[in-house]
N, C-alpha and C. Protein backbone atom coordinates (compact mmCIF):
# COMPACT_ATOMS: atom_id res chain seq x y z
N MET A 1 -58.03 7.31 27.28
CA MET A 1 -57.11 7.85 26.60
C MET A 1 -55.88 7.77 27.66
N ALA A 2 -56.32 7.37 28.61
CA ALA A 2 -54.97 7.16 29.68
C ALA A 2 -54.22 5.82 28.73
N ARG A 3 -54.49 4.46 28.79
CA ARG A 3 -54.19 3.51 27.86
C ARG A 3 -53.83 3.84 26.45
N LEU A 4 -54.13 4.51 25.96
CA LEU A 4 -53.61 5.02 24.55
C LEU A 4 -53.27 5.31 24.80
N SER A 5 -52.72 6.25 25.69
CA SER A 5 -51.37 7.05 25.67
C SER A 5 -49.96 6.20 26.49
N ILE A 6 -50.31 5.45 26.57
CA ILE A 6 -49.58 4.46 27.26
C ILE A 6 -48.95 3.55 26.32
N LYS A 7 -50.24 3.17 25.41
CA LYS A 7 -49.43 2.17 24.13
C LYS A 7 -48.78 3.23 22.88
N GLY A 8 -48.62 4.19 23.30
CA GLY A 8 -47.69 5.44 22.36
C GLY A 8 -48.92 6.18 21.09
N ALA A 9 -50.33 5.92 21.41
CA ALA A 9 -51.16 6.56 20.65
C ALA A 9 -50.85 8.22 21.08
N GLU A 10 -51.15 9.22 20.08
CA GLU A 10 -51.45 10.35 19.75
C GLU A 10 -52.88 11.07 19.56
N ALA A 11 -53.19 12.64 19.71
CA ALA A 11 -54.65 12.81 19.25
C ALA A 11 -53.95 14.18 18.44
N TYR A 12 -54.99 14.29 17.62
CA TYR A 12 -54.55 15.72 16.98
C TYR A 12 -56.04 16.26 16.42
N PHE A 13 -55.94 17.56 16.78
CA PHE A 13 -56.98 18.06 16.78
C PHE A 13 -57.18 19.59 15.90
N LYS A 14 -57.93 19.36 14.93
CA LYS A 14 -58.20 20.56 13.81
C LYS A 14 -59.51 20.72 13.39
N ASP A 15 -59.77 22.22 13.51
CA ASP A 15 -61.27 22.06 13.10
C ASP A 15 -62.09 21.94 14.08
N ASN A 16 -63.16 21.12 13.48
CA ASN A 16 -64.29 20.45 14.50
C ASN A 16 -64.08 18.81 14.47
N LYS A 17 -62.91 18.36 14.47
CA LYS A 17 -62.87 17.11 14.26
C LYS A 17 -60.83 16.94 15.15
N THR A 18 -61.40 15.58 16.06
CA THR A 18 -59.88 14.98 16.84
C THR A 18 -59.84 13.56 15.89
N VAL A 19 -58.73 13.54 15.89
CA VAL A 19 -58.13 12.30 15.56
C VAL A 19 -57.32 11.72 16.51
N ILE A 20 -57.26 10.05 16.85
CA ILE A 20 -56.52 9.37 17.41
C ILE A 20 -56.06 8.56 16.68
N LYS A 21 -54.50 8.81 16.87
CA LYS A 21 -53.52 7.82 15.93
C LYS A 21 -52.45 6.86 16.59
N THR A 22 -52.88 5.86 15.99
CA THR A 22 -51.29 4.94 16.60
C THR A 22 -49.98 5.28 16.78
N LYS A 23 -49.00 4.59 16.98
CA LYS A 23 -47.43 5.28 16.92
C LYS A 23 -46.90 5.18 15.55
N ASN A 24 -47.61 4.16 14.91
CA ASN A 24 -47.14 4.11 13.53
C ASN A 24 -47.97 5.53 12.70
N ARG A 25 -48.82 6.06 13.33
CA ARG A 25 -49.50 7.24 12.27
C ARG A 25 -50.71 6.63 11.78
N ILE A 26 -51.45 5.60 12.48
CA ILE A 26 -52.67 4.73 11.34
C ILE A 26 -54.03 5.52 12.33
N ASP A 27 -54.80 5.95 11.70
CA ASP A 27 -55.77 6.77 12.39
C ASP A 27 -56.96 5.41 12.71
N ILE A 28 -57.81 5.02 14.39
CA ILE A 28 -58.31 4.49 14.87
C ILE A 28 -59.62 4.91 15.36
N ILE A 29 -59.48 5.98 15.48
CA ILE A 29 -60.56 6.77 16.09
C ILE A 29 -60.65 8.38 15.63
N SER A 30 -61.59 8.43 15.05
CA SER A 30 -62.16 9.48 14.40
C SER A 30 -63.25 10.27 15.44
N VAL A 31 -63.22 11.44 15.61
CA VAL A 31 -64.34 12.36 16.71
C VAL A 31 -64.42 13.67 16.21
N ILE A 32 -66.19 13.86 15.73
CA ILE A 32 -66.72 15.02 15.31
C ILE A 32 -67.47 15.78 16.03
N HIS A 33 -67.06 16.99 16.29
CA HIS A 33 -67.62 18.06 17.27
C HIS A 33 -68.94 18.43 16.35
N SER A 34 -70.40 18.04 17.82
CA SER A 34 -71.53 18.19 17.30
C SER A 34 -72.15 18.45 18.32
N GLY A 35 -72.08 20.19 18.47
CA GLY A 35 -73.13 20.68 19.80
C GLY A 35 -72.13 20.54 20.87
N LEU A 36 -72.58 20.17 22.20
CA LEU A 36 -71.60 20.23 23.33
C LEU A 36 -70.76 18.66 23.34
N LEU A 37 -70.85 17.70 22.38
CA LEU A 37 -70.92 16.67 22.32
C LEU A 37 -69.97 16.18 21.10
N TYR A 38 -68.94 14.90 21.48
CA TYR A 38 -68.54 14.71 20.09
C TYR A 38 -68.66 13.49 19.31
N VAL A 39 -68.71 12.98 18.60
CA VAL A 39 -69.76 11.57 18.43
C VAL A 39 -68.76 11.14 17.31
N VAL A 40 -68.05 9.76 18.13
CA VAL A 40 -67.29 8.90 17.64
C VAL A 40 -67.19 7.96 16.30
N ASN A 41 -66.48 8.13 15.64
CA ASN A 41 -66.63 6.95 14.25
C ASN A 41 -65.62 6.57 14.03
N ILE A 42 -65.86 5.17 14.01
CA ILE A 42 -64.37 4.18 14.35
C ILE A 42 -63.94 3.49 12.88
N ASN A 43 -62.89 4.41 12.39
CA ASN A 43 -62.76 3.86 10.66
C ASN A 43 -62.50 2.22 10.82
N ARG A 44 -62.93 2.42 9.68
CA ARG A 44 -62.86 0.81 8.94
C ARG A 44 -61.35 0.63 8.63
N ILE A 45 -60.52 0.35 9.52
CA ILE A 45 -59.04 -0.23 8.80
C ILE A 45 -58.58 -1.54 8.96
N GLN A 46 -57.48 -1.87 8.56
CA GLN A 46 -57.02 -3.05 8.96
C GLN A 46 -56.84 -3.56 10.59
N PRO A 47 -57.61 -4.56 11.09
CA PRO A 47 -57.69 -4.83 12.29
C PRO A 47 -55.97 -4.53 13.03
N THR A 48 -55.53 -3.78 14.41
CA THR A 48 -54.23 -3.77 15.06
C THR A 48 -54.74 -4.24 16.61
N ALA A 49 -54.26 -5.52 16.68
CA ALA A 49 -54.42 -5.96 17.97
C ALA A 49 -53.14 -5.84 18.73
N PHE A 50 -53.41 -4.81 19.95
CA PHE A 50 -52.04 -4.91 20.80
C PHE A 50 -51.85 -6.31 21.26
N THR A 51 -50.94 -7.34 21.25
CA THR A 51 -50.46 -8.64 21.92
C THR A 51 -49.95 -8.67 23.35
N ALA A 52 -50.19 -9.70 24.14
CA ALA A 52 -49.26 -10.00 25.43
C ALA A 52 -48.66 -11.39 24.91
N GLN A 53 -47.54 -11.29 25.26
CA GLN A 53 -46.88 -12.51 25.16
C GLN A 53 -46.75 -12.76 26.48
N SER A 54 -46.75 -14.52 26.61
CA SER A 54 -46.62 -14.75 27.79
C SER A 54 -45.34 -14.99 28.54
N LYS A 55 -44.77 -15.35 29.87
CA LYS A 55 -43.28 -15.55 30.20
C LYS A 55 -42.78 -16.72 29.48
N GLN A 56 -41.40 -16.87 28.81
CA GLN A 56 -40.86 -17.75 28.19
C GLN A 56 -40.23 -18.73 29.32
N LYS A 57 -40.55 -18.81 30.92
CA LYS A 57 -39.70 -19.17 32.00
C LYS A 57 -40.75 -20.93 31.56
N PRO A 58 -39.81 -21.93 31.50
CA PRO A 58 -40.52 -22.97 31.64
C PRO A 58 -41.47 -23.30 32.84
N ILE A 59 -42.72 -24.30 33.12
CA ILE A 59 -43.46 -24.49 34.19
C ILE A 59 -43.57 -25.93 33.79
N ASN A 60 -43.60 -26.70 35.36
CA ASN A 60 -43.58 -28.23 35.09
C ASN A 60 -45.03 -28.51 34.55
N PHE A 61 -45.05 -29.68 33.99
CA PHE A 61 -46.09 -30.74 33.68
C PHE A 61 -47.75 -30.83 34.27
N ALA A 62 -47.52 -30.79 35.78
CA ALA A 62 -48.59 -30.80 36.45
C ALA A 62 -49.32 -29.42 36.36
N THR A 63 -48.75 -28.55 36.08
CA THR A 63 -49.24 -27.22 36.32
C THR A 63 -49.87 -26.49 34.49
N TRP A 64 -49.19 -27.34 33.75
CA TRP A 64 -50.01 -27.05 32.32
C TRP A 64 -51.05 -27.59 32.24
N HIS A 65 -50.98 -28.85 33.22
CA HIS A 65 -52.10 -29.90 32.90
C HIS A 65 -53.59 -29.32 33.72
N ARG A 66 -52.88 -28.27 34.75
CA ARG A 66 -54.30 -27.53 35.59
C ARG A 66 -54.74 -26.31 34.56
N HIS A 67 -54.01 -25.62 33.97
CA HIS A 67 -53.88 -24.09 32.63
C HIS A 67 -54.53 -24.93 31.44
N LEU A 68 -54.50 -26.12 31.40
CA LEU A 68 -55.62 -26.71 29.83
C LEU A 68 -56.36 -27.43 30.27
N SER A 69 -57.18 -26.96 31.57
CA SER A 69 -58.58 -27.23 32.07
C SER A 69 -58.25 -29.08 32.40
N HIS A 70 -57.15 -29.36 32.59
CA HIS A 70 -57.36 -30.97 33.17
C HIS A 70 -57.18 -31.78 31.72
N ALA A 71 -56.66 -31.53 30.68
CA ALA A 71 -56.59 -32.07 29.83
C ALA A 71 -56.30 -33.53 29.85
N GLY A 72 -56.05 -34.63 28.86
CA GLY A 72 -55.79 -35.85 29.27
C GLY A 72 -54.31 -35.45 28.49
N ILE A 73 -53.59 -36.63 29.75
CA ILE A 73 -52.03 -36.78 29.32
C ILE A 73 -51.66 -36.95 28.07
N GLU A 74 -51.82 -37.54 27.74
CA GLU A 74 -51.65 -38.03 26.60
C GLU A 74 -52.27 -37.17 24.98
N THR A 75 -53.08 -36.19 25.53
CA THR A 75 -53.12 -34.93 24.31
C THR A 75 -52.09 -33.86 24.47
N ILE A 76 -51.82 -33.55 26.23
CA ILE A 76 -50.87 -32.47 26.21
C ILE A 76 -49.51 -33.23 25.66
N CYS A 77 -49.23 -34.34 25.70
CA CYS A 77 -47.89 -34.84 25.47
C CYS A 77 -47.55 -34.90 23.86
N GLN A 78 -48.92 -34.86 22.64
CA GLN A 78 -48.80 -34.91 21.55
C GLN A 78 -48.62 -33.55 21.34
N ILE A 79 -49.13 -32.56 21.97
CA ILE A 79 -48.92 -30.71 21.58
C ILE A 79 -47.77 -30.52 21.73
N ILE A 80 -47.10 -31.11 22.60
CA ILE A 80 -45.75 -30.92 22.99
C ILE A 80 -44.81 -31.32 21.72
N THR A 81 -44.36 -32.90 21.80
CA THR A 81 -43.86 -33.26 20.92
C THR A 81 -44.10 -32.62 19.29
N GLU A 82 -45.18 -32.79 18.99
CA GLU A 82 -45.54 -32.22 17.80
C GLU A 82 -45.19 -30.36 17.53
N ASN A 83 -45.08 -29.73 19.10
CA ASN A 83 -45.01 -28.59 18.19
C ASN A 83 -46.21 -27.88 17.75
N LEU A 84 -47.43 -28.25 17.91
CA LEU A 84 -48.98 -28.07 17.79
C LEU A 84 -48.98 -26.54 18.57
N VAL A 85 -48.51 -26.07 19.55
CA VAL A 85 -48.86 -24.93 20.05
C VAL A 85 -47.55 -23.88 20.77
N ASP A 86 -47.22 -22.88 20.47
CA ASP A 86 -46.22 -22.31 20.63
C ASP A 86 -46.47 -21.79 21.93
N GLY A 87 -45.14 -21.30 22.79
CA GLY A 87 -45.08 -20.89 24.04
C GLY A 87 -45.13 -22.13 24.84
N LEU A 88 -45.52 -23.46 24.52
CA LEU A 88 -46.05 -24.33 25.78
C LEU A 88 -44.86 -25.09 26.39
N ASN A 89 -43.64 -24.33 27.01
CA ASN A 89 -42.70 -24.26 27.54
C ASN A 89 -42.56 -25.61 29.08
N VAL A 90 -42.51 -26.68 28.89
CA VAL A 90 -42.01 -27.40 30.16
C VAL A 90 -40.82 -27.83 29.97
N TYR A 91 -40.52 -28.15 31.71
CA TYR A 91 -39.43 -28.58 32.66
C TYR A 91 -39.46 -29.90 33.25
N GLY A 92 -38.46 -30.81 33.18
CA GLY A 92 -39.05 -32.00 33.70
C GLY A 92 -39.54 -33.10 33.10
N GLU A 93 -40.15 -34.56 33.83
CA GLU A 93 -40.81 -35.29 32.84
C GLU A 93 -42.38 -34.72 32.54
N LEU A 94 -42.61 -35.45 31.50
CA LEU A 94 -43.77 -35.33 30.72
C LEU A 94 -45.03 -35.96 31.39
N SER A 95 -45.13 -36.00 32.67
CA SER A 95 -45.98 -36.94 33.18
C SER A 95 -46.17 -35.96 34.67
N ILE A 96 -47.31 -36.46 35.16
CA ILE A 96 -47.83 -36.18 36.47
C ILE A 96 -47.05 -37.07 37.73
N SER A 97 -46.50 -36.81 38.54
CA SER A 97 -45.80 -37.47 39.49
C SER A 97 -46.97 -38.53 40.74
N SER A 98 -47.92 -37.79 41.18
CA SER A 98 -49.12 -38.38 41.44
C SER A 98 -50.59 -38.08 40.92
N LEU A 99 -51.65 -38.52 41.73
CA LEU A 99 -52.60 -38.75 41.05
C LEU A 99 -53.35 -37.31 40.95
N CYS A 100 -54.28 -36.81 40.10
CA CYS A 100 -54.90 -35.88 40.25
C CYS A 100 -56.36 -35.51 40.60
N GLU A 101 -56.33 -34.98 41.98
CA GLU A 101 -57.92 -35.43 42.74
C GLU A 101 -58.65 -34.64 41.94
N ASP A 102 -58.59 -33.25 41.45
CA ASP A 102 -59.86 -32.89 40.70
C ASP A 102 -60.25 -33.60 39.23
N CYS A 103 -59.55 -34.26 38.78
CA CYS A 103 -60.03 -35.26 37.61
C CYS A 103 -60.38 -36.60 38.58
N ILE A 104 -60.26 -37.30 39.58
CA ILE A 104 -60.45 -38.11 39.99
C ILE A 104 -62.42 -37.97 40.53
N TYR A 105 -62.59 -36.70 41.13
CA TYR A 105 -63.57 -36.43 41.85
C TYR A 105 -64.18 -36.20 40.29
N GLY A 106 -63.91 -35.11 39.39
CA GLY A 106 -64.36 -34.75 38.36
C GLY A 106 -65.24 -36.07 37.30
N LYS A 107 -64.34 -37.17 37.64
CA LYS A 107 -64.88 -38.59 36.90
C LYS A 107 -66.35 -39.37 37.55
N HIS A 108 -66.25 -39.45 39.36
CA HIS A 108 -67.19 -40.13 39.86
C HIS A 108 -68.22 -39.75 39.14
N THR A 109 -69.35 -40.98 39.13
CA THR A 109 -70.70 -41.05 39.26
C THR A 109 -71.39 -41.08 40.12
N ALA A 110 -70.42 -41.78 41.27
CA ALA A 110 -71.49 -42.24 42.24
C ALA A 110 -70.02 -42.04 43.64
N HIS A 111 -70.69 -41.75 44.87
CA HIS A 111 -69.71 -42.22 45.98
C HIS A 111 -70.05 -43.50 46.60
N LEU A 112 -68.62 -44.30 47.00
CA LEU A 112 -68.47 -45.41 47.64
C LEU A 112 -69.41 -45.32 49.11
N TYR A 113 -69.56 -46.43 49.68
CA TYR A 113 -70.19 -46.60 51.68
C TYR A 113 -68.46 -46.07 52.39
N ASN A 114 -68.40 -45.21 52.69
CA ASN A 114 -67.41 -44.96 53.44
C ASN A 114 -67.93 -44.45 54.81
N ASP A 115 -69.25 -44.46 55.01
CA ASP A 115 -69.78 -44.07 56.50
C ASP A 115 -69.49 -45.29 57.63
N SER A 116 -69.23 -44.61 58.85
CA SER A 116 -68.62 -45.38 60.15
C SER A 116 -69.54 -46.16 60.73
N ARG A 117 -70.09 -47.39 60.18
CA ARG A 117 -71.06 -47.56 60.94
C ARG A 117 -70.53 -48.74 62.07
N PRO A 118 -70.99 -49.27 62.95
CA PRO A 118 -71.00 -50.11 64.07
C PRO A 118 -70.88 -51.69 63.13
N ARG A 119 -69.82 -52.60 63.76
CA ARG A 119 -70.28 -53.72 63.40
C ARG A 119 -71.32 -54.71 63.35
N GLU A 120 -71.89 -55.35 62.83
CA GLU A 120 -72.84 -56.18 63.36
C GLU A 120 -72.29 -57.30 64.17
N LYS A 121 -73.61 -57.59 65.43
CA LYS A 121 -73.11 -58.69 66.12
C LYS A 121 -74.24 -60.03 66.03
N GLU A 122 -74.76 -60.31 64.99
CA GLU A 122 -75.29 -61.43 64.76
C GLU A 122 -75.76 -61.28 63.09
N VAL A 123 -76.10 -62.67 62.97
CA VAL A 123 -76.51 -62.86 61.51
C VAL A 123 -78.35 -62.09 61.32
N LEU A 124 -78.19 -61.89 59.84
CA LEU A 124 -79.27 -60.98 59.72
C LEU A 124 -79.90 -59.62 60.02
N GLU A 125 -78.76 -59.29 60.85
CA GLU A 125 -78.86 -58.00 61.35
C GLU A 125 -78.84 -56.95 59.98
N CYS A 126 -78.10 -57.38 59.08
CA CYS A 126 -77.83 -56.29 58.07
C CYS A 126 -77.73 -57.45 56.74
N ILE A 127 -78.26 -57.08 55.76
CA ILE A 127 -78.21 -57.63 54.26
C ILE A 127 -77.83 -57.01 53.22
N TYR A 128 -77.14 -57.26 52.19
CA TYR A 128 -77.15 -56.47 50.97
C TYR A 128 -77.45 -57.00 50.04
N ILE A 129 -78.42 -56.58 48.83
CA ILE A 129 -78.58 -57.08 48.11
C ILE A 129 -78.47 -56.10 46.55
N ASP A 130 -77.74 -56.87 45.85
CA ASP A 130 -77.31 -56.50 44.51
C ASP A 130 -77.92 -57.51 43.00
N ILE A 131 -78.00 -56.63 42.00
CA ILE A 131 -78.47 -57.13 40.71
C ILE A 131 -77.50 -56.49 40.11
N TRP A 132 -76.82 -58.02 38.88
CA TRP A 132 -76.12 -57.84 38.18
C TRP A 132 -77.15 -57.84 36.67
N GLY A 133 -76.62 -57.51 35.40
CA GLY A 133 -77.31 -57.43 34.17
C GLY A 133 -77.82 -56.12 33.66
N PRO A 134 -78.05 -56.29 32.42
CA PRO A 134 -78.78 -57.72 31.68
C PRO A 134 -77.58 -58.31 30.55
N SER A 135 -77.45 -59.11 30.85
CA SER A 135 -75.93 -59.75 30.15
C SER A 135 -75.74 -59.47 28.79
N GLN A 136 -74.95 -59.34 27.89
CA GLN A 136 -75.10 -59.06 26.68
C GLN A 136 -75.11 -60.28 25.69
N VAL A 137 -75.06 -61.31 26.40
CA VAL A 137 -75.47 -62.61 25.56
C VAL A 137 -76.44 -63.74 26.40
N GLN A 138 -77.22 -63.94 26.13
CA GLN A 138 -78.40 -64.69 26.94
C GLN A 138 -77.83 -65.96 27.19
N SER A 139 -77.89 -66.92 28.30
CA SER A 139 -77.94 -67.90 28.32
C SER A 139 -78.57 -68.75 27.63
N ALA A 140 -78.50 -70.51 27.91
CA ALA A 140 -79.46 -71.55 27.55
C ALA A 140 -80.53 -71.24 28.18
N SER A 141 -80.77 -71.13 29.02
CA SER A 141 -81.95 -71.19 29.54
C SER A 141 -82.60 -69.81 29.84
N SER A 142 -82.08 -68.82 29.09
CA SER A 142 -82.59 -67.58 28.91
C SER A 142 -82.58 -66.49 30.21
N ILE A 143 -81.37 -66.74 30.45
CA ILE A 143 -80.61 -66.03 31.59
C ILE A 143 -80.17 -64.66 31.52
N LEU A 144 -80.86 -63.52 31.96
CA LEU A 144 -80.28 -62.50 31.72
C LEU A 144 -79.75 -61.72 32.95
N TYR A 145 -80.11 -62.21 34.07
CA TYR A 145 -79.57 -61.05 35.30
C TYR A 145 -79.53 -62.30 36.32
N PHE A 146 -78.68 -61.69 37.38
CA PHE A 146 -78.54 -62.76 38.82
C PHE A 146 -78.51 -61.81 39.85
N MET A 147 -79.06 -62.54 41.05
CA MET A 147 -79.73 -60.96 41.89
C MET A 147 -78.75 -62.03 43.24
N ILE A 148 -77.95 -61.11 44.02
CA ILE A 148 -76.84 -61.81 45.35
C ILE A 148 -77.24 -61.22 46.61
N ILE A 149 -77.69 -61.92 47.81
CA ILE A 149 -77.95 -61.28 48.94
C ILE A 149 -76.58 -61.67 49.87
N ILE A 150 -76.15 -60.87 50.13
CA ILE A 150 -74.78 -61.18 51.24
C ILE A 150 -75.29 -60.50 52.61
N ASP A 151 -75.31 -61.56 53.52
CA ASP A 151 -75.27 -61.19 55.14
C ASP A 151 -73.78 -60.67 55.75
N ARG A 152 -74.09 -59.24 55.80
CA ARG A 152 -72.73 -58.33 56.50
C ARG A 152 -72.38 -59.14 57.81
N PHE A 153 -72.88 -59.90 58.46
CA PHE A 153 -71.98 -60.52 59.72
C PHE A 153 -71.45 -61.53 59.30
N SER A 154 -72.32 -62.62 58.68
CA SER A 154 -71.34 -63.59 58.23
C SER A 154 -70.18 -64.06 56.93
N SER A 155 -70.99 -62.78 56.02
CA SER A 155 -70.87 -62.82 54.77
C SER A 155 -70.83 -64.14 53.87
N TYR A 156 -72.08 -64.77 54.56
CA TYR A 156 -72.86 -65.54 53.84
C TYR A 156 -73.45 -65.09 52.61
N TRP A 157 -73.60 -65.85 51.43
CA TRP A 157 -74.28 -65.32 50.10
C TRP A 157 -74.75 -65.92 49.23
N THR A 158 -75.76 -65.68 48.79
CA THR A 158 -76.57 -66.73 47.86
C THR A 158 -76.86 -65.78 46.52
N VAL A 159 -76.54 -66.96 45.15
CA VAL A 159 -76.81 -65.90 44.35
C VAL A 159 -77.96 -66.72 43.72
N THR A 160 -79.09 -65.82 42.93
CA THR A 160 -80.43 -66.40 42.08
C THR A 160 -80.03 -65.66 40.99
N PHE A 161 -80.22 -67.03 39.37
CA PHE A 161 -80.08 -66.50 38.23
C PHE A 161 -81.46 -66.24 37.60
N LEU A 162 -82.09 -65.00 37.13
CA LEU A 162 -82.91 -64.43 36.95
C LEU A 162 -83.35 -64.24 35.23
N LYS A 163 -84.49 -64.60 34.44
CA LYS A 163 -85.10 -64.68 33.02
C LYS A 163 -85.43 -62.21 33.03
N SER A 164 -86.02 -61.90 33.87
CA SER A 164 -86.08 -60.82 34.33
C SER A 164 -85.95 -60.53 35.39
N LYS A 165 -85.95 -59.05 35.46
CA LYS A 165 -85.76 -58.27 37.35
C LYS A 165 -87.00 -57.40 37.11
N SER A 166 -87.90 -58.33 37.09
CA SER A 166 -89.78 -57.16 37.10
C SER A 166 -89.70 -57.35 38.60
N ALA A 167 -90.63 -56.65 39.03
CA ALA A 167 -90.55 -56.40 40.67
C ALA A 167 -91.43 -57.58 41.00
N GLU A 168 -92.10 -58.52 40.23
CA GLU A 168 -92.71 -59.44 41.25
C GLU A 168 -91.81 -60.53 41.52
N ILE A 169 -90.63 -60.81 40.22
CA ILE A 169 -89.89 -61.68 40.47
C ILE A 169 -88.95 -61.48 41.69
N ILE A 170 -88.11 -59.74 41.68
CA ILE A 170 -87.07 -59.61 42.83
C ILE A 170 -88.37 -60.15 44.26
N LEU A 171 -89.07 -59.53 44.06
CA LEU A 171 -89.70 -59.95 45.35
C LEU A 171 -90.17 -61.04 46.00
N LYS A 172 -90.32 -61.82 45.02
CA LYS A 172 -90.76 -63.15 45.26
C LYS A 172 -89.17 -63.93 45.78
N VAL A 173 -88.10 -63.27 44.91
CA VAL A 173 -86.74 -63.90 45.50
C VAL A 173 -86.84 -63.75 46.76
N PHE A 174 -86.69 -62.20 47.11
CA PHE A 174 -86.62 -61.85 48.43
C PHE A 174 -87.29 -62.53 49.34
N LYS A 175 -88.53 -62.71 49.52
CA LYS A 175 -89.39 -63.41 49.91
C LYS A 175 -88.83 -64.96 50.46
N GLY A 176 -88.63 -65.94 49.72
CA GLY A 176 -88.00 -66.73 49.63
C GLY A 176 -86.66 -66.94 50.75
N PHE A 177 -86.13 -66.03 50.32
CA PHE A 177 -84.54 -66.03 51.40
C PHE A 177 -84.83 -65.52 52.77
N HIS A 178 -85.87 -64.48 52.53
CA HIS A 178 -86.29 -63.78 54.21
C HIS A 178 -86.72 -65.03 54.96
N ILE A 179 -87.86 -65.98 54.58
CA ILE A 179 -88.51 -66.86 55.19
C ILE A 179 -87.70 -68.31 55.74
N GLU A 180 -86.73 -68.65 54.60
CA GLU A 180 -85.73 -69.62 54.87
C GLU A 180 -84.78 -69.38 55.63
N ALA A 181 -84.14 -67.99 55.42
CA ALA A 181 -82.91 -67.23 56.22
C ALA A 181 -83.60 -67.42 57.75
N GLU A 182 -84.62 -66.64 57.95
CA GLU A 182 -84.81 -66.59 59.26
C GLU A 182 -85.44 -68.07 60.16
N CYS A 183 -85.92 -69.33 59.22
CA CYS A 183 -86.14 -70.20 59.94
C CYS A 183 -84.90 -70.95 60.28
N GLN A 184 -83.68 -70.69 59.42
CA GLN A 184 -82.82 -71.79 59.87
C GLN A 184 -81.63 -70.63 60.82
N THR A 185 -81.99 -69.35 61.03
CA THR A 185 -80.84 -69.05 61.80
C THR A 185 -81.86 -68.75 63.13
N ARG A 186 -83.13 -68.75 63.33
CA ARG A 186 -83.90 -68.39 64.21
C ARG A 186 -83.48 -66.86 64.95
N LYS A 187 -83.06 -66.00 63.78
CA LYS A 187 -83.07 -64.65 63.81
C LYS A 187 -84.10 -64.06 63.06
N ARG A 188 -84.41 -63.03 63.35
CA ARG A 188 -84.85 -61.98 62.63
C ARG A 188 -84.13 -60.86 61.98
N LEU A 189 -84.47 -60.86 60.38
CA LEU A 189 -84.05 -59.76 59.44
C LEU A 189 -84.37 -57.97 60.05
N LYS A 190 -83.51 -57.39 60.08
CA LYS A 190 -83.27 -56.46 60.59
C LYS A 190 -83.51 -54.93 59.87
N GLN A 191 -82.57 -55.29 58.59
CA GLN A 191 -81.96 -53.97 57.79
C GLN A 191 -81.56 -54.77 56.47
N VAL A 192 -82.08 -53.79 55.21
CA VAL A 192 -81.97 -54.42 53.75
C VAL A 192 -81.04 -53.18 53.16
N ARG A 193 -79.99 -53.44 52.75
CA ARG A 193 -79.49 -52.34 52.09
C ARG A 193 -79.05 -52.53 50.97
N LEU A 194 -79.53 -51.40 49.98
CA LEU A 194 -79.46 -51.20 48.47
C LEU A 194 -78.54 -50.09 47.77
N ASP A 195 -77.97 -50.54 46.80
CA ASP A 195 -77.03 -49.24 46.20
C ASP A 195 -78.04 -48.57 45.41
N MET A 196 -79.31 -48.92 45.14
CA MET A 196 -80.29 -48.02 43.83
C MET A 196 -79.75 -47.57 42.69
N GLY A 197 -78.90 -48.28 42.67
CA GLY A 197 -78.19 -48.09 41.21
C GLY A 197 -79.57 -48.46 39.64
N ARG A 198 -79.17 -48.19 38.68
CA ARG A 198 -79.74 -48.19 37.44
C ARG A 198 -80.32 -49.77 37.66
N GLU A 199 -79.34 -50.87 37.86
CA GLU A 199 -80.30 -52.06 37.64
C GLU A 199 -81.65 -52.27 38.20
N TRP A 200 -82.12 -51.21 39.42
CA TRP A 200 -83.12 -51.48 39.86
C TRP A 200 -84.31 -51.24 39.16
N TYR A 201 -83.97 -50.39 38.53
CA TYR A 201 -84.96 -49.63 37.40
C TYR A 201 -85.81 -50.71 36.67
N ASN A 202 -87.22 -50.47 36.98
CA ASN A 202 -88.14 -51.40 36.01
C ASN A 202 -89.44 -50.82 36.12
N THR A 203 -90.20 -51.31 35.42
CA THR A 203 -91.97 -50.76 35.16
C THR A 203 -92.92 -50.90 36.09
N MET A 204 -92.12 -51.10 37.27
CA MET A 204 -93.26 -51.67 38.23
C MET A 204 -94.07 -50.38 38.54
């Protein structure tokens, strides 16, 4: 009742009935006395909304970018230049002066290796293995993938072209590299690191 009164509504009592009207004398609520209670009957009249208007003071583009759930810059510029929305007032340039960290983190699908680990002191202390493919175009020799092995200490790398990425073929290539590398360097392989991306999925 207090908020209706603030909006300018008035209540009229007559017989067993109470009517609440807007300041324009339009009925919005009708209450009928029934015993010790009042039964509210909301009339089916043309809806009347109490609208609230935002401040007309312009704000910068970056703030609108956040208010609009980090919509694309081109989309917001189109809304502004074509006057598609009333009240979207911007001051300054129609751009963001710096990168939006929330947008960057929201679009991440994987995190980079950023752990602080000591530098290797000899070859074969740690190697990286990665697989690329499948290629959209098959080579003349039916090659669709390639497997790269990199030694972290020396940055020495080898590439092996593959027709398939089945577990048997991948294991065969790795065993061949393992034996050859240890024989040539007289060192033992200590650690293998993978990114475990989708290219490693197969029917093992």
